[in-house]
Amino acid sequence: IDYSQQPWKKSLAGDLRRVRKYHYTHKVTRDPSDIEEYYDSMYLPLIRQSHGDSTNPMALTRMLAGLSQGGELLQTLRDQTPVAGAFFEVERGRAMARTIGVKDGDRQLIREGVISASTFNMIRYGRDRGFAVLQLGGSRAFLYDGALQAKRRLGLTLTSYNQCGHLLRIQEFSAGARRFLRH
C-alpha cells in the first residue's frame, strides 16, 4: 500500500503523524522467550481489557507452535524498548495476523498510535517479504468498534469467514432478542 496516495493519505493522516512523532521502530523475532514475554505482558492484558469476560485468547502453546509454520513476532519499539507487538503466521502463502498486544494494555500508548505503528510495520514487513495479501484478522460486529474502524480507514475488506463460526453474546434476553434468535 502506498500511503502517500489516496484514499489513505487523508484518512490515515493522524495515525501517520503519531507514528512519526513518537519515533516507533520495529524488530522481528522468532525467539520463544520473546513470544512468552509478549504473550504475558502485551497480548493478554490488551485483549482482557478490550473484551472483558468474553475474552477468548489464543493459547501460548498455539502461538509457540506457530513458530514452526513461519510465525514471527513483530515488536514495535520506542527508544529500543518493546511497547507493542503483533504475531503473524504464514499460511498457504499468505501472511495472517493472529494477535496484537500493547505493553500492559496501556491506553496512553494506544492514544499515542502504537497500534497503528504495529499495523503499518506489519504491512511494510509483509510487503518486503513479498506477500501480496496480509490478513489482519477479524473484528467484532459493531459498527463503532475501534478495530473495525481502524481497518476500515486502511481500506481493508471482508475476504473470508472464521472456520470457528460466530460468537454471539446476548446482553439482555429481551423480547426483541428472543425474536431475533427465533427468526
N, C-alpha and C. Protein backbone atom coordinates (compact mmCIF):
# COMPACT_ATOMS: atom_id res chain seq x y z
N ILE A 1 0.85 -1.17 0.00
CA ILE A 1 0.00 0.00 0.00
C ILE A 1 0.89 1.23 0.00
N ASP A 2 0.61 2.13 -0.90
CA ASP A 2 1.33 3.40 -0.95
C ASP A 2 0.51 4.42 -0.17
N TYR A 3 0.95 4.72 1.06
CA TYR A 3 0.16 5.59 1.93
C TYR A 3 0.25 7.06 1.54
N SER A 4 1.06 7.40 0.55
CA SER A 4 1.14 8.80 0.13
C SER A 4 0.02 9.13 -0.85
N GLN A 5 -0.66 8.12 -1.34
CA GLN A 5 -1.73 8.32 -2.33
C GLN A 5 -3.11 8.17 -1.68
N GLN A 6 -4.10 8.65 -2.37
CA GLN A 6 -5.48 8.49 -1.92
C GLN A 6 -5.88 7.03 -2.07
N PRO A 7 -6.82 6.50 -1.32
CA PRO A 7 -7.65 7.19 -0.34
C PRO A 7 -7.04 7.24 1.05
N TRP A 8 -5.86 6.65 1.25
CA TRP A 8 -5.31 6.52 2.59
C TRP A 8 -4.73 7.81 3.15
N LYS A 9 -4.19 8.65 2.28
CA LYS A 9 -3.48 9.83 2.75
C LYS A 9 -4.32 10.66 3.72
N LYS A 10 -5.57 10.90 3.39
CA LYS A 10 -6.42 11.75 4.23
C LYS A 10 -6.90 11.00 5.48
N SER A 11 -7.38 9.79 5.32
CA SER A 11 -7.97 9.07 6.45
C SER A 11 -6.92 8.60 7.46
N LEU A 12 -5.68 8.47 7.05
CA LEU A 12 -4.64 7.97 7.95
C LEU A 12 -3.67 9.05 8.40
N ALA A 13 -3.95 10.29 8.05
CA ALA A 13 -3.00 11.38 8.36
C ALA A 13 -2.68 11.46 9.84
N GLY A 14 -3.69 11.38 10.71
CA GLY A 14 -3.47 11.46 12.16
C GLY A 14 -2.65 10.29 12.67
N ASP A 15 -2.96 9.09 12.17
CA ASP A 15 -2.21 7.90 12.58
C ASP A 15 -0.74 8.01 12.18
N LEU A 16 -0.50 8.41 10.95
CA LEU A 16 0.87 8.53 10.46
C LEU A 16 1.64 9.62 11.21
N ARG A 17 0.97 10.71 11.55
CA ARG A 17 1.61 11.79 12.31
C ARG A 17 2.06 11.28 13.68
N ARG A 18 1.19 10.51 14.37
CA ARG A 18 1.56 9.98 15.69
C ARG A 18 2.72 8.99 15.59
N VAL A 19 2.73 8.18 14.56
CA VAL A 19 3.83 7.22 14.37
C VAL A 19 5.15 7.97 14.22
N ARG A 20 5.14 9.02 13.44
CA ARG A 20 6.38 9.81 13.27
C ARG A 20 6.75 10.55 14.55
N LYS A 21 5.76 11.10 15.23
CA LYS A 21 6.02 11.89 16.44
C LYS A 21 6.71 11.08 17.52
N TYR A 22 6.28 9.84 17.71
CA TYR A 22 6.82 9.02 18.79
C TYR A 22 7.98 8.12 18.35
N HIS A 23 8.42 8.26 17.11
CA HIS A 23 9.62 7.58 16.60
C HIS A 23 9.58 6.06 16.82
N TYR A 24 8.46 5.45 16.49
CA TYR A 24 8.36 4.00 16.62
C TYR A 24 9.23 3.32 15.57
N THR A 25 9.90 2.27 15.98
CA THR A 25 10.66 1.42 15.07
C THR A 25 10.17 0.00 15.29
N HIS A 26 10.75 -0.95 14.60
CA HIS A 26 10.33 -2.34 14.82
C HIS A 26 11.50 -3.30 14.70
N LYS A 27 11.26 -4.48 15.23
CA LYS A 27 12.23 -5.57 15.20
C LYS A 27 11.45 -6.87 15.08
N VAL A 28 11.96 -7.79 14.32
CA VAL A 28 11.32 -9.09 14.13
C VAL A 28 12.08 -10.12 14.94
N THR A 29 11.33 -10.99 15.63
CA THR A 29 11.97 -12.04 16.43
C THR A 29 11.19 -13.34 16.29
N ARG A 30 11.93 -14.43 16.45
CA ARG A 30 11.34 -15.76 16.50
C ARG A 30 11.75 -16.46 17.79
N ASP A 31 12.31 -15.72 18.71
CA ASP A 31 12.79 -16.26 19.98
C ASP A 31 11.59 -16.61 20.87
N PRO A 32 11.46 -17.87 21.29
CA PRO A 32 10.33 -18.27 22.13
C PRO A 32 10.21 -17.45 23.42
N SER A 33 11.34 -17.03 24.01
CA SER A 33 11.25 -16.23 25.24
C SER A 33 10.64 -14.85 24.96
N ASP A 34 10.91 -14.29 23.77
CA ASP A 34 10.28 -13.02 23.38
C ASP A 34 8.78 -13.22 23.17
N ILE A 35 8.41 -14.35 22.60
CA ILE A 35 6.99 -14.66 22.38
C ILE A 35 6.28 -14.78 23.74
N GLU A 36 6.88 -15.48 24.68
CA GLU A 36 6.28 -15.65 26.01
C GLU A 36 6.13 -14.30 26.72
N GLU A 37 7.14 -13.45 26.63
CA GLU A 37 7.09 -12.12 27.24
C GLU A 37 5.97 -11.29 26.61
N TYR A 38 5.89 -11.32 25.28
CA TYR A 38 4.83 -10.63 24.55
C TYR A 38 3.45 -11.13 25.00
N TYR A 39 3.31 -12.43 25.07
CA TYR A 39 2.03 -13.05 25.43
C TYR A 39 1.55 -12.55 26.80
N ASP A 40 2.45 -12.61 27.79
CA ASP A 40 2.07 -12.26 29.17
C ASP A 40 1.94 -10.76 29.42
N SER A 41 2.79 -9.97 28.78
CA SER A 41 2.81 -8.54 29.13
C SER A 41 2.13 -7.63 28.11
N MET A 42 1.79 -8.16 26.93
CA MET A 42 1.17 -7.31 25.91
C MET A 42 -0.15 -7.86 25.40
N TYR A 43 -0.10 -9.10 24.91
CA TYR A 43 -1.29 -9.68 24.29
C TYR A 43 -2.44 -9.88 25.29
N LEU A 44 -2.18 -10.66 26.34
CA LEU A 44 -3.26 -10.93 27.31
C LEU A 44 -3.81 -9.65 27.96
N PRO A 45 -2.96 -8.72 28.43
CA PRO A 45 -3.52 -7.51 29.04
C PRO A 45 -4.42 -6.71 28.09
N LEU A 46 -4.03 -6.62 26.82
CA LEU A 46 -4.84 -5.84 25.88
C LEU A 46 -6.17 -6.50 25.60
N ILE A 47 -6.18 -7.79 25.32
CA ILE A 47 -7.47 -8.40 24.98
C ILE A 47 -8.37 -8.55 26.20
N ARG A 48 -7.80 -8.75 27.36
CA ARG A 48 -8.65 -8.81 28.56
C ARG A 48 -9.27 -7.45 28.83
N GLN A 49 -8.52 -6.40 28.62
CA GLN A 49 -9.04 -5.05 28.82
C GLN A 49 -10.11 -4.74 27.76
N SER A 50 -9.89 -5.18 26.55
CA SER A 50 -10.81 -4.87 25.45
C SER A 50 -12.08 -5.71 25.48
N HIS A 51 -11.96 -6.98 25.84
CA HIS A 51 -13.09 -7.89 25.71
C HIS A 51 -13.67 -8.39 27.02
N GLY A 52 -13.05 -8.06 28.13
CA GLY A 52 -13.59 -8.44 29.42
C GLY A 52 -13.79 -9.94 29.57
N ASP A 53 -14.96 -10.32 30.09
CA ASP A 53 -15.20 -11.74 30.35
C ASP A 53 -15.53 -12.53 29.09
N SER A 54 -15.63 -11.87 27.94
CA SER A 54 -15.86 -12.62 26.70
C SER A 54 -14.55 -12.88 25.96
N THR A 55 -13.42 -12.66 26.64
CA THR A 55 -12.11 -12.88 26.04
C THR A 55 -11.93 -14.36 25.71
N ASN A 56 -11.44 -14.60 24.51
CA ASN A 56 -11.16 -15.97 24.06
C ASN A 56 -9.74 -15.95 23.48
N PRO A 57 -8.71 -15.92 24.37
CA PRO A 57 -7.34 -15.73 23.88
C PRO A 57 -6.78 -16.96 23.17
N MET A 58 -5.87 -16.68 22.25
CA MET A 58 -5.10 -17.75 21.63
C MET A 58 -4.20 -18.33 22.73
N ALA A 59 -4.06 -19.63 22.75
CA ALA A 59 -3.20 -20.27 23.75
C ALA A 59 -1.73 -20.01 23.42
N LEU A 60 -0.93 -19.85 24.45
CA LEU A 60 0.50 -19.64 24.26
C LEU A 60 1.12 -20.82 23.50
N THR A 61 0.68 -22.03 23.81
CA THR A 61 1.23 -23.20 23.11
C THR A 61 0.93 -23.13 21.61
N ARG A 62 -0.23 -22.62 21.26
CA ARG A 62 -0.61 -22.45 19.84
C ARG A 62 0.30 -21.42 19.17
N MET A 63 0.58 -20.33 19.89
CA MET A 63 1.45 -19.29 19.36
C MET A 63 2.86 -19.83 19.15
N LEU A 64 3.38 -20.55 20.15
CA LEU A 64 4.72 -21.12 20.03
C LEU A 64 4.79 -22.16 18.91
N ALA A 65 3.73 -22.93 18.75
CA ALA A 65 3.68 -23.90 17.66
C ALA A 65 3.68 -23.20 16.31
N GLY A 66 3.13 -21.99 16.25
CA GLY A 66 3.11 -21.22 15.01
C GLY A 66 4.49 -20.84 14.52
N LEU A 67 5.47 -20.84 15.42
CA LEU A 67 6.85 -20.54 15.00
C LEU A 67 7.34 -21.54 13.96
N SER A 68 6.93 -22.79 14.12
CA SER A 68 7.38 -23.82 13.18
C SER A 68 6.72 -23.68 11.82
N GLN A 69 5.66 -22.88 11.74
CA GLN A 69 4.97 -22.65 10.46
C GLN A 69 5.31 -21.27 9.90
N GLY A 70 6.46 -20.74 10.29
CA GLY A 70 6.88 -19.45 9.76
C GLY A 70 6.38 -18.26 10.56
N GLY A 71 5.85 -18.51 11.75
CA GLY A 71 5.35 -17.42 12.58
C GLY A 71 6.47 -16.52 13.06
N GLU A 72 6.15 -15.24 13.22
CA GLU A 72 7.12 -14.27 13.70
C GLU A 72 6.42 -13.24 14.57
N LEU A 73 7.16 -12.68 15.49
CA LEU A 73 6.67 -11.60 16.32
C LEU A 73 7.31 -10.32 15.83
N LEU A 74 6.50 -9.37 15.46
CA LEU A 74 6.98 -8.06 15.03
C LEU A 74 6.80 -7.12 16.21
N GLN A 75 7.90 -6.80 16.86
CA GLN A 75 7.86 -5.92 18.04
C GLN A 75 7.93 -4.46 17.59
N THR A 76 7.07 -3.64 18.18
CA THR A 76 7.12 -2.20 17.96
C THR A 76 7.90 -1.60 19.11
N LEU A 77 8.93 -0.83 18.78
CA LEU A 77 9.85 -0.31 19.78
C LEU A 77 9.75 1.20 19.90
N ARG A 78 9.95 1.69 21.12
CA ARG A 78 10.16 3.11 21.37
C ARG A 78 11.42 3.19 22.22
N ASP A 79 12.38 3.92 21.76
CA ASP A 79 13.68 4.01 22.44
C ASP A 79 14.27 2.62 22.67
N GLN A 80 14.17 1.77 21.67
CA GLN A 80 14.71 0.41 21.67
C GLN A 80 14.04 -0.53 22.68
N THR A 81 12.91 -0.10 23.27
CA THR A 81 12.18 -0.92 24.23
C THR A 81 10.86 -1.38 23.60
N PRO A 82 10.56 -2.70 23.62
CA PRO A 82 9.29 -3.17 23.06
C PRO A 82 8.09 -2.59 23.84
N VAL A 83 7.19 -1.93 23.11
CA VAL A 83 5.99 -1.37 23.73
C VAL A 83 4.72 -1.97 23.14
N ALA A 84 4.86 -2.71 22.06
CA ALA A 84 3.71 -3.38 21.43
C ALA A 84 4.25 -4.49 20.55
N GLY A 85 3.36 -5.30 20.06
CA GLY A 85 3.78 -6.37 19.17
C GLY A 85 2.61 -6.94 18.41
N ALA A 86 2.94 -7.67 17.38
CA ALA A 86 1.94 -8.36 16.57
C ALA A 86 2.55 -9.69 16.14
N PHE A 87 1.81 -10.76 16.35
CA PHE A 87 2.28 -12.08 15.96
C PHE A 87 1.56 -12.49 14.68
N PHE A 88 2.33 -12.94 13.70
CA PHE A 88 1.67 -13.43 12.49
C PHE A 88 2.31 -14.71 12.01
N GLU A 89 1.54 -15.45 11.23
CA GLU A 89 1.96 -16.73 10.68
C GLU A 89 1.82 -16.68 9.18
N VAL A 90 2.44 -17.63 8.52
CA VAL A 90 2.30 -17.78 7.08
C VAL A 90 1.47 -19.03 6.84
N GLU A 91 0.40 -18.85 6.09
CA GLU A 91 -0.50 -19.97 5.81
C GLU A 91 -0.90 -19.91 4.34
N ARG A 92 -0.62 -20.95 3.60
CA ARG A 92 -0.94 -21.02 2.16
C ARG A 92 -0.44 -19.80 1.40
N GLY A 93 0.79 -19.38 1.72
CA GLY A 93 1.40 -18.27 1.01
C GLY A 93 0.89 -16.89 1.40
N ARG A 94 0.09 -16.83 2.46
CA ARG A 94 -0.43 -15.53 2.92
C ARG A 94 0.05 -15.27 4.33
N ALA A 95 0.32 -14.01 4.61
CA ALA A 95 0.66 -13.62 5.98
C ALA A 95 -0.66 -13.38 6.72
N MET A 96 -0.77 -13.98 7.88
CA MET A 96 -2.00 -13.89 8.66
C MET A 96 -1.68 -13.30 10.03
N ALA A 97 -2.17 -12.10 10.31
CA ALA A 97 -2.00 -11.51 11.63
C ALA A 97 -2.87 -12.29 12.60
N ARG A 98 -2.28 -12.80 13.65
CA ARG A 98 -3.01 -13.62 14.61
C ARG A 98 -3.34 -12.85 15.88
N THR A 99 -2.39 -12.05 16.37
CA THR A 99 -2.63 -11.33 17.62
C THR A 99 -1.94 -9.98 17.56
N ILE A 100 -2.41 -9.09 18.42
CA ILE A 100 -1.75 -7.79 18.59
C ILE A 100 -1.80 -7.49 20.09
N GLY A 101 -0.79 -6.82 20.59
CA GLY A 101 -0.75 -6.51 22.01
C GLY A 101 -0.02 -5.21 22.28
N VAL A 102 -0.34 -4.62 23.42
CA VAL A 102 0.28 -3.36 23.86
C VAL A 102 0.76 -3.58 25.29
N LYS A 103 1.96 -3.10 25.59
CA LYS A 103 2.56 -3.28 26.91
C LYS A 103 1.57 -2.92 28.01
N ASP A 104 1.23 -3.88 28.85
CA ASP A 104 0.31 -3.74 29.98
C ASP A 104 -1.07 -3.20 29.57
N GLY A 105 -1.43 -3.31 28.28
CA GLY A 105 -2.71 -2.79 27.82
C GLY A 105 -2.82 -1.28 28.00
N ASP A 106 -1.70 -0.59 28.01
CA ASP A 106 -1.61 0.84 28.33
C ASP A 106 -2.40 1.71 27.34
N ARG A 107 -3.47 2.34 27.82
CA ARG A 107 -4.32 3.19 26.99
C ARG A 107 -3.56 4.41 26.47
N GLN A 108 -2.60 4.91 27.23
CA GLN A 108 -1.82 6.07 26.77
C GLN A 108 -1.01 5.71 25.53
N LEU A 109 -0.41 4.53 25.53
CA LEU A 109 0.33 4.08 24.35
C LEU A 109 -0.60 3.95 23.14
N ILE A 110 -1.81 3.48 23.38
CA ILE A 110 -2.78 3.35 22.29
C ILE A 110 -3.11 4.73 21.74
N ARG A 111 -3.34 5.71 22.62
CA ARG A 111 -3.61 7.07 22.16
C ARG A 111 -2.43 7.66 21.40
N GLU A 112 -1.24 7.19 21.71
CA GLU A 112 -0.03 7.67 21.04
C GLU A 112 0.26 6.90 19.74
N GLY A 113 -0.68 6.09 19.31
CA GLY A 113 -0.59 5.47 18.00
C GLY A 113 0.23 4.20 17.90
N VAL A 114 0.45 3.51 19.02
CA VAL A 114 1.31 2.32 18.97
C VAL A 114 0.65 1.18 18.19
N ILE A 115 -0.67 1.07 18.21
CA ILE A 115 -1.33 0.01 17.43
C ILE A 115 -1.23 0.33 15.95
N SER A 116 -1.40 1.60 15.60
CA SER A 116 -1.21 1.99 14.20
C SER A 116 0.21 1.69 13.75
N ALA A 117 1.19 2.01 14.58
CA ALA A 117 2.59 1.73 14.24
C ALA A 117 2.79 0.24 14.01
N SER A 118 2.22 -0.59 14.88
CA SER A 118 2.35 -2.04 14.72
C SER A 118 1.71 -2.50 13.42
N THR A 119 0.55 -1.96 13.11
CA THR A 119 -0.15 -2.34 11.88
C THR A 119 0.65 -1.92 10.65
N PHE A 120 1.14 -0.67 10.63
CA PHE A 120 1.93 -0.20 9.50
C PHE A 120 3.20 -1.03 9.34
N ASN A 121 3.84 -1.36 10.46
CA ASN A 121 5.05 -2.18 10.40
C ASN A 121 4.76 -3.56 9.83
N MET A 122 3.62 -4.14 10.22
CA MET A 122 3.24 -5.45 9.69
C MET A 122 3.02 -5.37 8.19
N ILE A 123 2.33 -4.33 7.75
CA ILE A 123 2.06 -4.18 6.32
C ILE A 123 3.37 -4.02 5.55
N ARG A 124 4.25 -3.16 6.03
CA ARG A 124 5.54 -2.95 5.35
C ARG A 124 6.37 -4.23 5.33
N TYR A 125 6.43 -4.90 6.47
CA TYR A 125 7.23 -6.11 6.57
C TYR A 125 6.67 -7.20 5.65
N GLY A 126 5.35 -7.35 5.64
CA GLY A 126 4.73 -8.33 4.75
C GLY A 126 5.01 -8.03 3.29
N ARG A 127 4.93 -6.76 2.94
CA ARG A 127 5.21 -6.34 1.56
C ARG A 127 6.67 -6.64 1.22
N ASP A 128 7.59 -6.30 2.14
CA ASP A 128 9.02 -6.54 1.90
C ASP A 128 9.33 -8.02 1.76
N ARG A 129 8.56 -8.87 2.42
CA ARG A 129 8.76 -10.33 2.31
C ARG A 129 8.08 -10.90 1.07
N GLY A 130 7.34 -10.06 0.33
CA GLY A 130 6.74 -10.50 -0.92
C GLY A 130 5.32 -11.03 -0.82
N PHE A 131 4.65 -10.80 0.30
CA PHE A 131 3.27 -11.26 0.43
C PHE A 131 2.33 -10.29 -0.28
N ALA A 132 1.49 -10.81 -1.14
CA ALA A 132 0.51 -9.98 -1.83
C ALA A 132 -0.68 -9.70 -0.92
N VAL A 133 -0.92 -10.59 0.06
CA VAL A 133 -2.08 -10.46 0.94
C VAL A 133 -1.61 -10.56 2.39
N LEU A 134 -2.10 -9.65 3.20
CA LEU A 134 -1.88 -9.70 4.65
C LEU A 134 -3.25 -9.67 5.29
N GLN A 135 -3.63 -10.75 5.93
CA GLN A 135 -4.90 -10.79 6.61
C GLN A 135 -4.71 -10.26 8.02
N LEU A 136 -5.53 -9.26 8.39
CA LEU A 136 -5.39 -8.64 9.71
C LEU A 136 -6.42 -9.14 10.71
N GLY A 137 -7.02 -10.29 10.44
CA GLY A 137 -7.90 -10.91 11.41
C GLY A 137 -9.29 -10.33 11.43
N GLY A 138 -10.07 -10.80 12.38
CA GLY A 138 -11.47 -10.42 12.46
C GLY A 138 -11.70 -9.18 13.30
N SER A 139 -12.95 -8.80 13.35
CA SER A 139 -13.39 -7.66 14.15
C SER A 139 -14.73 -8.01 14.78
N ARG A 140 -15.01 -7.33 15.87
CA ARG A 140 -16.33 -7.51 16.45
C ARG A 140 -17.37 -6.85 15.54
N ALA A 141 -18.55 -7.37 15.54
CA ALA A 141 -19.59 -6.90 14.63
C ALA A 141 -20.34 -5.68 15.16
N PHE A 142 -19.60 -4.66 15.54
CA PHE A 142 -20.19 -3.40 15.97
C PHE A 142 -19.62 -2.32 15.08
N LEU A 143 -20.48 -1.51 14.48
CA LEU A 143 -20.01 -0.51 13.54
C LEU A 143 -19.03 0.47 14.15
N TYR A 144 -19.11 0.70 15.45
CA TYR A 144 -18.24 1.66 16.09
C TYR A 144 -17.12 1.00 16.89
N ASP A 145 -16.85 -0.27 16.63
CA ASP A 145 -15.74 -0.97 17.25
C ASP A 145 -14.44 -0.35 16.75
N GLY A 146 -13.51 -0.05 17.67
CA GLY A 146 -12.27 0.62 17.31
C GLY A 146 -11.46 -0.14 16.27
N ALA A 147 -11.35 -1.47 16.44
CA ALA A 147 -10.56 -2.26 15.49
C ALA A 147 -11.21 -2.25 14.11
N LEU A 148 -12.53 -2.35 14.07
CA LEU A 148 -13.23 -2.31 12.79
C LEU A 148 -13.04 -0.96 12.11
N GLN A 149 -13.13 0.12 12.86
CA GLN A 149 -12.95 1.45 12.28
C GLN A 149 -11.52 1.64 11.76
N ALA A 150 -10.54 1.16 12.51
CA ALA A 150 -9.14 1.28 12.07
C ALA A 150 -8.92 0.50 10.79
N LYS A 151 -9.47 -0.68 10.70
CA LYS A 151 -9.32 -1.49 9.49
C LYS A 151 -10.04 -0.84 8.31
N ARG A 152 -11.17 -0.22 8.58
CA ARG A 152 -11.89 0.49 7.52
C ARG A 152 -11.07 1.65 6.97
N ARG A 153 -10.40 2.39 7.86
CA ARG A 153 -9.54 3.50 7.41
C ARG A 153 -8.40 3.01 6.52
N LEU A 154 -7.95 1.79 6.75
CA LEU A 154 -6.89 1.22 5.92
C LEU A 154 -7.41 0.78 4.56
N GLY A 155 -8.73 0.74 4.41
CA GLY A 155 -9.31 0.30 3.15
C GLY A 155 -9.43 -1.21 3.05
N LEU A 156 -9.38 -1.90 4.19
CA LEU A 156 -9.48 -3.36 4.17
C LEU A 156 -10.91 -3.80 3.89
N THR A 157 -11.04 -5.01 3.37
CA THR A 157 -12.35 -5.55 3.04
C THR A 157 -12.50 -6.94 3.63
N LEU A 158 -13.74 -7.36 3.75
CA LEU A 158 -14.06 -8.70 4.23
C LEU A 158 -13.74 -9.68 3.11
N THR A 159 -12.87 -10.66 3.41
CA THR A 159 -12.47 -11.60 2.37
C THR A 159 -12.80 -13.05 2.69
N SER A 160 -13.09 -13.33 3.95
CA SER A 160 -13.35 -14.72 4.31
C SER A 160 -14.13 -14.75 5.62
N TYR A 161 -14.36 -15.94 6.09
CA TYR A 161 -15.06 -16.12 7.36
C TYR A 161 -14.22 -17.00 8.26
N ASN A 162 -14.54 -16.98 9.53
CA ASN A 162 -13.81 -17.77 10.52
C ASN A 162 -14.39 -19.17 10.54
N GLN A 163 -13.53 -20.17 10.45
CA GLN A 163 -13.99 -21.55 10.47
C GLN A 163 -14.61 -21.94 11.80
N CYS A 164 -14.33 -21.16 12.84
CA CYS A 164 -14.88 -21.46 14.17
C CYS A 164 -16.31 -20.97 14.30
N GLY A 165 -16.81 -20.24 13.33
CA GLY A 165 -18.17 -19.73 13.40
C GLY A 165 -18.20 -18.33 13.97
N HIS A 166 -19.33 -17.99 14.51
CA HIS A 166 -19.53 -16.65 15.06
C HIS A 166 -19.88 -16.75 16.53
N LEU A 167 -19.34 -15.84 17.31
CA LEU A 167 -19.66 -15.79 18.73
C LEU A 167 -20.75 -14.75 18.92
N LEU A 168 -21.78 -15.10 19.66
CA LEU A 168 -22.88 -14.19 19.90
C LEU A 168 -23.10 -14.10 21.40
N ARG A 169 -23.11 -12.88 21.91
CA ARG A 169 -23.34 -12.67 23.33
C ARG A 169 -24.59 -11.82 23.50
N ILE A 170 -25.56 -12.36 24.16
CA ILE A 170 -26.82 -11.65 24.39
C ILE A 170 -26.67 -10.86 25.69
N GLN A 171 -26.70 -9.54 25.58
CA GLN A 171 -26.56 -8.69 26.76
C GLN A 171 -27.80 -8.74 27.65
N GLU A 172 -28.94 -8.74 27.00
CA GLU A 172 -30.20 -8.79 27.75
C GLU A 172 -31.16 -9.67 26.96
N PHE A 173 -31.70 -10.68 27.61
CA PHE A 173 -32.58 -11.62 26.92
C PHE A 173 -33.99 -11.04 26.87
N SER A 174 -34.13 -10.00 26.08
CA SER A 174 -35.40 -9.28 25.95
C SER A 174 -36.29 -9.96 24.92
N ALA A 175 -37.50 -9.45 24.79
CA ALA A 175 -38.43 -9.98 23.78
C ALA A 175 -37.84 -9.80 22.38
N GLY A 176 -37.19 -8.66 22.13
CA GLY A 176 -36.56 -8.42 20.83
C GLY A 176 -35.44 -9.41 20.55
N ALA A 177 -34.63 -9.70 21.57
CA ALA A 177 -33.54 -10.67 21.41
C ALA A 177 -34.10 -12.06 21.13
N ARG A 178 -35.16 -12.41 21.84
CA ARG A 178 -35.79 -13.72 21.60
C ARG A 178 -36.32 -13.81 20.17
N ARG A 179 -36.98 -12.75 19.68
CA ARG A 179 -37.48 -12.73 18.30
C ARG A 179 -36.33 -12.87 17.30
N PHE A 180 -35.26 -12.14 17.54
CA PHE A 180 -34.09 -12.20 16.66
C PHE A 180 -33.56 -13.64 16.58
N LEU A 181 -33.41 -14.29 17.70
CA LEU A 181 -32.89 -15.66 17.71
C LEU A 181 -33.86 -16.64 17.07
N ARG A 182 -35.12 -16.43 17.29
CA ARG A 182 -36.14 -17.33 16.76
C ARG A 182 -36.18 -17.26 15.23
N HIS A 183 -35.94 -16.09 14.69
CA HIS A 183 -36.06 -15.91 13.24
C HIS A 183 -34.72 -15.92 12.55
